[in-house]
């Protein structure tokens, strides 16, 4: 059953991951609305019968070809895009995790993204992305700085 993303009848649950390789993170450039052309975390909708964590792992694999291991929850947020009239055009509840690649590190994109890159914190700050993506990356980079200070 195809899920109606535009003008949905209810909020849709999405799962994504900040895939990191040392101090760099993997971002993809979205090919479709919402956020078309902007940099984002790999992720997508949770399917019936799967956990949010399973959805994040599956979506990263489908979008990038990478197998990942979830390290922990980073954020639960809401992404609402106004529409015509009282209903929002898009309405997502987004659950984002920190993850690391566990196998081959060669990224192979599917058709949902037009490009990808591995970015350091200063590089990521200069990219065009949604405020939600920016917030999740700040949480990730902040946690990484805290871990380094504790060592």
N, C-alpha and C. Protein backbone atom coordinates (compact mmCIF):
# COMPACT_ATOMS: atom_id res chain seq x y z
N UNK A 1 0.84 -1.18 0.00
CA UNK A 1 0.00 0.00 0.00
C UNK A 1 0.89 1.25 0.00
N UNK A 2 0.66 2.12 -0.94
CA UNK A 2 1.44 3.35 -1.04
C UNK A 2 0.95 4.36 -0.01
N UNK A 3 1.88 4.95 0.70
CA UNK A 3 1.55 5.94 1.73
C UNK A 3 1.43 7.31 1.07
N UNK A 4 0.40 8.02 1.43
CA UNK A 4 0.20 9.37 0.91
C UNK A 4 1.08 10.32 1.72
N UNK A 5 2.15 10.83 1.11
CA UNK A 5 3.08 11.72 1.79
C UNK A 5 2.62 13.17 1.75
N UNK A 6 2.07 13.57 0.61
CA UNK A 6 1.62 14.94 0.46
C UNK A 6 0.17 15.04 0.94
N UNK A 7 -0.09 16.03 1.79
CA UNK A 7 -1.40 16.21 2.43
C UNK A 7 -1.88 14.90 3.07
N UNK A 8 -1.06 14.36 3.99
CA UNK A 8 -1.43 13.09 4.61
C UNK A 8 -2.61 13.25 5.56
N UNK A 9 -3.26 12.14 5.87
CA UNK A 9 -4.39 12.18 6.81
C UNK A 9 -3.91 12.13 8.26
N UNK A 10 -2.63 11.83 8.47
CA UNK A 10 -2.05 11.77 9.81
C UNK A 10 -0.54 12.00 9.68
N UNK A 11 0.13 12.32 10.79
CA UNK A 11 1.59 12.44 10.73
C UNK A 11 2.22 11.10 10.36
N UNK A 12 3.29 11.15 9.61
CA UNK A 12 4.02 9.95 9.21
C UNK A 12 5.30 9.85 10.04
N UNK A 13 5.67 8.63 10.43
CA UNK A 13 6.86 8.41 11.25
C UNK A 13 8.03 8.06 10.34
N UNK A 14 9.10 8.82 10.48
CA UNK A 14 10.32 8.57 9.72
C UNK A 14 11.47 8.26 10.64
N UNK A 15 12.45 7.51 10.12
CA UNK A 15 13.64 7.15 10.88
C UNK A 15 14.86 7.47 10.04
N UNK A 16 15.87 8.03 10.68
CA UNK A 16 17.10 8.37 9.97
C UNK A 16 18.30 8.17 10.86
N UNK A 17 19.47 8.37 10.27
CA UNK A 17 20.70 8.15 11.03
C UNK A 17 21.79 9.12 10.63
N UNK A 18 22.53 9.58 11.64
CA UNK A 18 23.77 10.30 11.42
C UNK A 18 24.84 9.21 11.36
N UNK A 19 25.21 8.83 10.14
CA UNK A 19 26.25 7.83 9.94
C UNK A 19 27.58 8.56 10.01
N UNK A 20 28.44 8.13 10.94
CA UNK A 20 29.71 8.84 11.09
C UNK A 20 30.89 7.91 10.83
N UNK A 21 31.95 8.54 10.38
CA UNK A 21 33.22 7.88 10.12
C UNK A 21 34.27 8.77 10.76
N UNK A 22 34.61 8.48 12.01
CA UNK A 22 35.49 9.38 12.74
C UNK A 22 34.76 10.68 12.99
N UNK A 23 35.35 11.78 12.55
CA UNK A 23 34.74 13.09 12.80
C UNK A 23 33.85 13.56 11.65
N UNK A 24 33.70 12.74 10.62
CA UNK A 24 32.88 13.13 9.47
C UNK A 24 31.53 12.41 9.50
N UNK A 25 30.51 13.07 8.90
CA UNK A 25 29.18 12.48 8.81
C UNK A 25 28.75 12.38 7.35
N UNK A 26 27.92 11.39 7.08
CA UNK A 26 27.40 11.16 5.74
C UNK A 26 26.09 11.92 5.57
N UNK A 27 26.02 12.74 4.54
CA UNK A 27 24.78 13.44 4.20
C UNK A 27 24.46 13.17 2.74
N UNK A 28 23.17 13.17 2.43
CA UNK A 28 22.70 12.97 1.06
C UNK A 28 21.92 14.21 0.63
N UNK A 29 21.96 14.48 -0.66
CA UNK A 29 21.18 15.61 -1.20
C UNK A 29 19.87 15.06 -1.73
N UNK A 30 18.77 15.53 -1.17
CA UNK A 30 17.44 15.03 -1.50
C UNK A 30 17.05 15.40 -2.93
N UNK A 31 16.48 14.42 -3.63
CA UNK A 31 16.04 14.61 -5.01
C UNK A 31 14.57 15.05 -5.08
N UNK A 32 13.78 14.74 -4.04
CA UNK A 32 12.34 14.99 -4.07
C UNK A 32 11.87 15.83 -2.89
N UNK A 33 10.71 16.47 -3.02
CA UNK A 33 10.13 17.22 -1.90
C UNK A 33 9.73 16.26 -0.77
N UNK A 34 9.63 16.71 0.45
CA UNK A 34 10.06 18.06 0.86
C UNK A 34 11.58 18.12 0.95
N UNK A 35 12.10 19.28 1.03
CA UNK A 35 13.55 19.52 1.14
C UNK A 35 14.33 19.11 -0.10
N UNK A 36 13.70 19.15 -1.25
CA UNK A 36 14.36 18.85 -2.51
C UNK A 36 15.59 19.73 -2.69
N UNK A 37 16.72 19.11 -3.03
CA UNK A 37 17.96 19.84 -3.27
C UNK A 37 18.74 20.16 -2.01
N UNK A 38 18.20 19.90 -0.86
CA UNK A 38 18.89 20.20 0.40
C UNK A 38 19.59 18.95 0.92
N UNK A 39 20.60 19.18 1.77
CA UNK A 39 21.34 18.09 2.38
C UNK A 39 20.54 17.54 3.56
N UNK A 40 20.60 16.22 3.73
CA UNK A 40 19.79 15.57 4.76
C UNK A 40 20.47 14.29 5.24
N UNK A 41 19.93 13.75 6.32
CA UNK A 41 20.36 12.44 6.81
C UNK A 41 19.69 11.37 5.96
N UNK A 42 20.38 10.26 5.71
CA UNK A 42 19.67 9.16 5.05
C UNK A 42 18.57 8.65 5.98
N UNK A 43 17.41 8.39 5.42
CA UNK A 43 16.29 7.91 6.23
C UNK A 43 15.02 7.88 5.44
N UNK A 44 13.97 7.39 6.07
CA UNK A 44 12.68 7.30 5.42
C UNK A 44 11.62 6.80 6.36
N UNK A 45 10.50 6.39 5.82
CA UNK A 45 9.35 6.02 6.62
C UNK A 45 9.49 4.65 7.27
N UNK A 46 8.95 4.54 8.47
CA UNK A 46 8.87 3.26 9.17
C UNK A 46 7.76 2.45 8.51
N UNK A 47 8.04 1.18 8.23
CA UNK A 47 7.05 0.30 7.62
C UNK A 47 6.32 -0.50 8.69
N UNK A 48 5.13 -0.91 8.36
CA UNK A 48 4.32 -1.71 9.26
C UNK A 48 5.09 -2.97 9.67
N UNK A 49 5.16 -3.23 10.98
CA UNK A 49 5.80 -4.44 11.49
C UNK A 49 7.27 -4.30 11.80
N UNK A 50 7.88 -3.13 11.58
CA UNK A 50 9.29 -2.98 11.92
C UNK A 50 9.44 -1.94 13.02
N UNK A 51 10.52 -2.08 13.78
CA UNK A 51 10.81 -1.09 14.81
C UNK A 51 11.41 0.14 14.16
N UNK A 52 11.46 1.22 14.90
CA UNK A 52 12.05 2.46 14.37
C UNK A 52 13.53 2.24 14.07
N UNK A 53 14.23 1.52 14.96
CA UNK A 53 15.65 1.22 14.74
C UNK A 53 15.85 0.40 13.47
N UNK A 54 14.99 -0.63 13.28
CA UNK A 54 15.09 -1.45 12.06
C UNK A 54 14.85 -0.60 10.82
N UNK A 55 13.91 0.33 10.90
CA UNK A 55 13.63 1.22 9.78
C UNK A 55 14.84 2.08 9.45
N UNK A 56 15.50 2.62 10.48
CA UNK A 56 16.69 3.45 10.24
C UNK A 56 17.78 2.65 9.53
N UNK A 57 18.04 1.44 10.01
CA UNK A 57 19.07 0.58 9.40
C UNK A 57 18.68 0.26 7.95
N UNK A 58 17.42 -0.13 7.73
CA UNK A 58 16.95 -0.48 6.38
C UNK A 58 17.05 0.72 5.44
N UNK A 59 16.59 1.88 5.91
CA UNK A 59 16.60 3.07 5.06
C UNK A 59 18.02 3.50 4.69
N UNK A 60 18.95 3.44 5.63
CA UNK A 60 20.34 3.77 5.31
C UNK A 60 20.86 2.81 4.25
N UNK A 61 20.58 1.51 4.42
CA UNK A 61 21.03 0.51 3.44
C UNK A 61 20.41 0.78 2.06
N UNK A 62 19.09 1.05 2.03
CA UNK A 62 18.42 1.28 0.75
C UNK A 62 18.93 2.54 0.05
N UNK A 63 19.16 3.59 0.83
CA UNK A 63 19.55 4.87 0.23
C UNK A 63 21.04 4.97 -0.11
N UNK A 64 21.90 4.27 0.67
CA UNK A 64 23.35 4.45 0.51
C UNK A 64 24.12 3.18 0.24
N UNK A 65 23.48 2.02 0.43
CA UNK A 65 24.20 0.76 0.28
C UNK A 65 25.02 0.37 1.49
N UNK A 66 25.02 1.19 2.53
CA UNK A 66 25.83 0.92 3.72
C UNK A 66 25.05 0.13 4.77
N UNK A 67 25.70 -0.84 5.38
CA UNK A 67 25.16 -1.51 6.56
C UNK A 67 25.65 -0.74 7.77
N UNK A 68 24.76 -0.46 8.71
CA UNK A 68 25.13 0.32 9.89
C UNK A 68 24.67 -0.36 11.16
N UNK A 69 25.31 0.04 12.23
CA UNK A 69 24.93 -0.38 13.58
C UNK A 69 24.48 0.87 14.33
N UNK A 70 23.30 0.79 14.93
CA UNK A 70 22.77 1.92 15.70
C UNK A 70 23.54 2.04 17.01
N UNK A 71 23.99 3.25 17.32
CA UNK A 71 24.73 3.51 18.56
C UNK A 71 23.88 4.16 19.64
N UNK A 72 22.86 4.89 19.25
CA UNK A 72 22.01 5.53 20.24
C UNK A 72 21.08 6.54 19.61
N UNK A 73 20.06 6.89 20.37
CA UNK A 73 19.07 7.87 19.95
C UNK A 73 19.65 9.28 20.06
N UNK A 74 19.46 10.08 19.02
CA UNK A 74 19.90 11.48 19.04
C UNK A 74 18.75 12.45 19.26
N UNK A 75 17.62 12.22 18.58
CA UNK A 75 16.56 13.21 18.63
C UNK A 75 15.25 12.63 18.10
N UNK A 76 14.16 13.16 18.64
CA UNK A 76 12.82 12.93 18.09
C UNK A 76 12.27 14.32 17.80
N UNK A 77 11.93 14.58 16.56
CA UNK A 77 11.48 15.91 16.18
C UNK A 77 10.29 15.86 15.25
N UNK A 78 9.76 17.03 14.95
CA UNK A 78 8.60 17.16 14.08
C UNK A 78 8.98 18.07 12.91
N UNK A 79 8.58 17.66 11.72
CA UNK A 79 8.84 18.44 10.51
C UNK A 79 7.50 18.66 9.82
N UNK A 80 6.99 19.90 9.88
CA UNK A 80 5.70 20.24 9.30
C UNK A 80 5.91 21.31 8.23
N UNK A 81 5.36 21.07 7.05
CA UNK A 81 5.43 22.02 5.95
C UNK A 81 4.01 22.50 5.67
N UNK A 82 3.75 23.80 5.78
CA UNK A 82 2.40 24.32 5.56
C UNK A 82 1.90 24.01 4.16
N UNK A 83 0.59 23.89 4.05
CA UNK A 83 -0.03 23.64 2.76
C UNK A 83 -1.07 24.69 2.46
N UNK A 84 -1.86 24.42 1.47
CA UNK A 84 -2.98 25.29 1.13
C UNK A 84 -4.12 24.94 2.06
N UNK A 85 -4.66 25.91 2.75
CA UNK A 85 -5.74 25.63 3.69
C UNK A 85 -5.19 25.18 5.03
N UNK A 86 -6.04 24.55 5.83
CA UNK A 86 -5.64 24.22 7.20
C UNK A 86 -4.75 22.98 7.32
N UNK A 87 -4.74 22.09 6.32
CA UNK A 87 -3.94 20.87 6.41
C UNK A 87 -2.51 21.12 5.98
N UNK A 88 -1.54 20.55 6.72
CA UNK A 88 -0.15 20.68 6.29
C UNK A 88 0.11 19.86 5.02
N UNK A 89 1.01 20.37 4.19
CA UNK A 89 1.37 19.65 2.97
C UNK A 89 2.16 18.39 3.32
N UNK A 90 3.08 18.52 4.28
CA UNK A 90 3.87 17.38 4.78
C UNK A 90 3.89 17.46 6.30
N UNK A 91 3.84 16.31 6.96
CA UNK A 91 3.89 16.27 8.42
C UNK A 91 4.57 14.96 8.84
N UNK A 92 5.78 15.10 9.38
CA UNK A 92 6.58 13.94 9.79
C UNK A 92 6.96 14.03 11.26
N UNK A 93 6.97 12.89 11.92
CA UNK A 93 7.63 12.72 13.21
C UNK A 93 8.92 11.99 12.88
N UNK A 94 10.06 12.59 13.19
CA UNK A 94 11.35 12.05 12.78
C UNK A 94 12.15 11.57 13.99
N UNK A 95 12.60 10.33 13.91
CA UNK A 95 13.41 9.72 14.96
C UNK A 95 14.79 9.48 14.37
N UNK A 96 15.80 10.14 14.94
CA UNK A 96 17.15 10.08 14.38
C UNK A 96 18.13 9.48 15.36
N UNK A 97 18.99 8.62 14.83
CA UNK A 97 19.97 7.88 15.61
C UNK A 97 21.39 8.21 15.17
N UNK A 98 22.35 7.95 16.06
CA UNK A 98 23.76 7.92 15.68
C UNK A 98 24.05 6.49 15.23
N UNK A 99 24.84 6.36 14.17
CA UNK A 99 25.15 5.03 13.65
C UNK A 99 26.55 5.03 13.04
N UNK A 100 27.12 3.83 12.96
CA UNK A 100 28.41 3.70 12.28
C UNK A 100 28.32 2.58 11.26
N UNK A 101 29.07 2.74 10.17
CA UNK A 101 29.10 1.72 9.13
C UNK A 101 29.78 0.48 9.67
N UNK A 102 29.22 -0.70 9.36
CA UNK A 102 29.78 -1.94 9.89
C UNK A 102 30.43 -2.80 8.81
N UNK A 103 30.21 -2.48 7.57
CA UNK A 103 30.77 -3.31 6.50
C UNK A 103 31.51 -2.45 5.51
N UNK A 104 31.29 -2.74 4.25
CA UNK A 104 31.93 -1.97 3.17
C UNK A 104 31.55 -0.51 3.30
N UNK A 105 32.50 0.37 3.01
CA UNK A 105 32.25 1.80 3.18
C UNK A 105 32.02 2.53 1.86
N UNK A 106 31.73 1.78 0.80
CA UNK A 106 31.47 2.41 -0.50
C UNK A 106 30.00 2.77 -0.60
N UNK A 107 29.71 4.05 -0.77
CA UNK A 107 28.33 4.53 -0.87
C UNK A 107 27.82 4.34 -2.29
N UNK A 108 26.64 3.74 -2.41
CA UNK A 108 25.96 3.57 -3.69
C UNK A 108 24.55 4.11 -3.48
N UNK A 109 24.26 5.24 -4.11
CA UNK A 109 22.96 5.90 -3.91
C UNK A 109 21.86 5.24 -4.73
N UNK A 110 20.65 5.25 -4.15
CA UNK A 110 19.48 4.87 -4.94
C UNK A 110 18.93 6.15 -5.58
N UNK A 111 17.77 6.10 -6.17
CA UNK A 111 17.23 7.24 -6.89
C UNK A 111 16.67 8.36 -6.03
N UNK A 112 16.64 8.20 -4.70
CA UNK A 112 16.06 9.22 -3.84
C UNK A 112 16.98 10.41 -3.61
N UNK A 113 18.27 10.22 -3.85
CA UNK A 113 19.26 11.27 -3.60
C UNK A 113 20.06 11.54 -4.86
N UNK A 114 20.47 12.80 -5.03
CA UNK A 114 21.23 13.16 -6.22
C UNK A 114 22.73 13.12 -5.99
N UNK A 115 23.17 13.22 -4.74
CA UNK A 115 24.60 13.16 -4.43
C UNK A 115 24.77 12.90 -2.94
N UNK A 116 26.01 12.69 -2.54
CA UNK A 116 26.32 12.46 -1.13
C UNK A 116 27.69 13.05 -0.83
N UNK A 117 27.99 13.15 0.45
CA UNK A 117 29.32 13.58 0.87
C UNK A 117 29.54 13.24 2.32
N UNK A 118 30.83 13.12 2.66
CA UNK A 118 31.24 12.96 4.06
C UNK A 118 31.76 14.32 4.51
N UNK A 119 31.16 14.88 5.58
CA UNK A 119 31.44 16.26 5.97
C UNK A 119 31.90 16.35 7.42
N UNK A 120 32.89 17.20 7.63
CA UNK A 120 33.30 17.55 8.99
C UNK A 120 32.28 18.53 9.55
N UNK A 121 32.38 18.82 10.83
CA UNK A 121 31.44 19.77 11.43
C UNK A 121 31.48 21.14 10.76
N UNK A 122 32.67 21.74 10.55
CA UNK A 122 32.68 23.06 9.89
C UNK A 122 32.11 23.00 8.46
N UNK A 123 32.38 21.92 7.74
CA UNK A 123 31.84 21.79 6.37
C UNK A 123 30.32 21.66 6.41
N UNK A 124 29.80 20.84 7.32
CA UNK A 124 28.36 20.62 7.42
C UNK A 124 27.62 21.91 7.77
N UNK A 125 28.22 22.74 8.60
CA UNK A 125 27.57 23.99 9.01
C UNK A 125 27.29 24.91 7.82
N UNK A 126 28.07 24.78 6.75
CA UNK A 126 27.91 25.67 5.58
C UNK A 126 26.89 25.16 4.56
N UNK A 127 26.36 23.97 4.77
CA UNK A 127 25.45 23.37 3.79
C UNK A 127 24.01 23.84 3.97
N UNK A 128 23.27 23.79 2.87
CA UNK A 128 21.84 24.10 2.90
C UNK A 128 21.09 22.86 3.38
N UNK A 129 20.44 22.96 4.53
CA UNK A 129 19.69 21.85 5.11
C UNK A 129 18.55 22.39 5.94
N UNK A 130 17.62 21.52 6.30
CA UNK A 130 16.50 21.95 7.14
C UNK A 130 17.00 22.24 8.56
N UNK A 131 16.23 23.02 9.28
CA UNK A 131 16.59 23.31 10.68
C UNK A 131 16.59 22.03 11.52
N UNK A 132 15.71 21.09 11.21
CA UNK A 132 15.68 19.83 11.94
C UNK A 132 16.96 19.03 11.73
N UNK A 133 17.43 18.96 10.49
CA UNK A 133 18.69 18.27 10.21
C UNK A 133 19.84 18.97 10.91
N UNK A 134 19.85 20.29 10.87
CA UNK A 134 20.91 21.06 11.53
C UNK A 134 20.92 20.78 13.03
N UNK A 135 19.73 20.72 13.65
CA UNK A 135 19.64 20.45 15.09
C UNK A 135 20.19 19.06 15.42
N UNK A 136 19.84 18.06 14.63
CA UNK A 136 20.32 16.69 14.88
C UNK A 136 21.85 16.63 14.74
N UNK A 137 22.38 17.30 13.73
CA UNK A 137 23.84 17.31 13.56
C UNK A 137 24.53 18.01 14.72
N UNK A 138 23.96 19.10 15.21
CA UNK A 138 24.53 19.78 16.38
C UNK A 138 24.54 18.85 17.59
N UNK A 139 23.47 18.10 17.77
CA UNK A 139 23.42 17.13 18.87
C UNK A 139 24.52 16.08 18.71
N UNK A 140 24.67 15.58 17.49
CA UNK A 140 25.70 14.57 17.22
C UNK A 140 27.11 15.13 17.49
N UNK A 141 27.42 16.27 16.89
CA UNK A 141 28.76 16.83 17.05
C UNK A 141 29.02 17.22 18.50
N UNK A 142 28.01 17.71 19.20
CA UNK A 142 28.15 18.02 20.63
C UNK A 142 28.47 16.78 21.45
N UNK A 143 27.78 15.68 21.15
CA UNK A 143 28.05 14.42 21.86
C UNK A 143 29.46 13.93 21.56
N UNK A 144 29.91 14.09 20.32
CA UNK A 144 31.27 13.66 19.97
C UNK A 144 32.32 14.49 20.72
N UNK A 145 32.09 15.80 20.84
CA UNK A 145 33.03 16.65 21.58
C UNK A 145 33.05 16.24 23.06
N UNK A 146 31.90 15.94 23.63
CA UNK A 146 31.83 15.52 25.04
C UNK A 146 32.58 14.22 25.26
N UNK A 147 32.45 13.27 24.35
CA UNK A 147 33.17 12.00 24.47
C UNK A 147 34.67 12.20 24.43
N UNK A 148 35.12 13.11 23.54
CA UNK A 148 36.57 13.37 23.45
C UNK A 148 37.09 14.00 24.73
N UNK A 149 36.30 14.87 25.37
CA UNK A 149 36.73 15.51 26.61
C UNK A 149 36.81 14.51 27.76
N UNK A 150 35.99 13.48 27.72
CA UNK A 150 35.97 12.49 28.80
C UNK A 150 37.13 11.51 28.72
N UNK A 151 37.79 11.45 27.61
CA UNK A 151 38.92 10.50 27.44
C UNK A 151 40.15 10.98 28.10
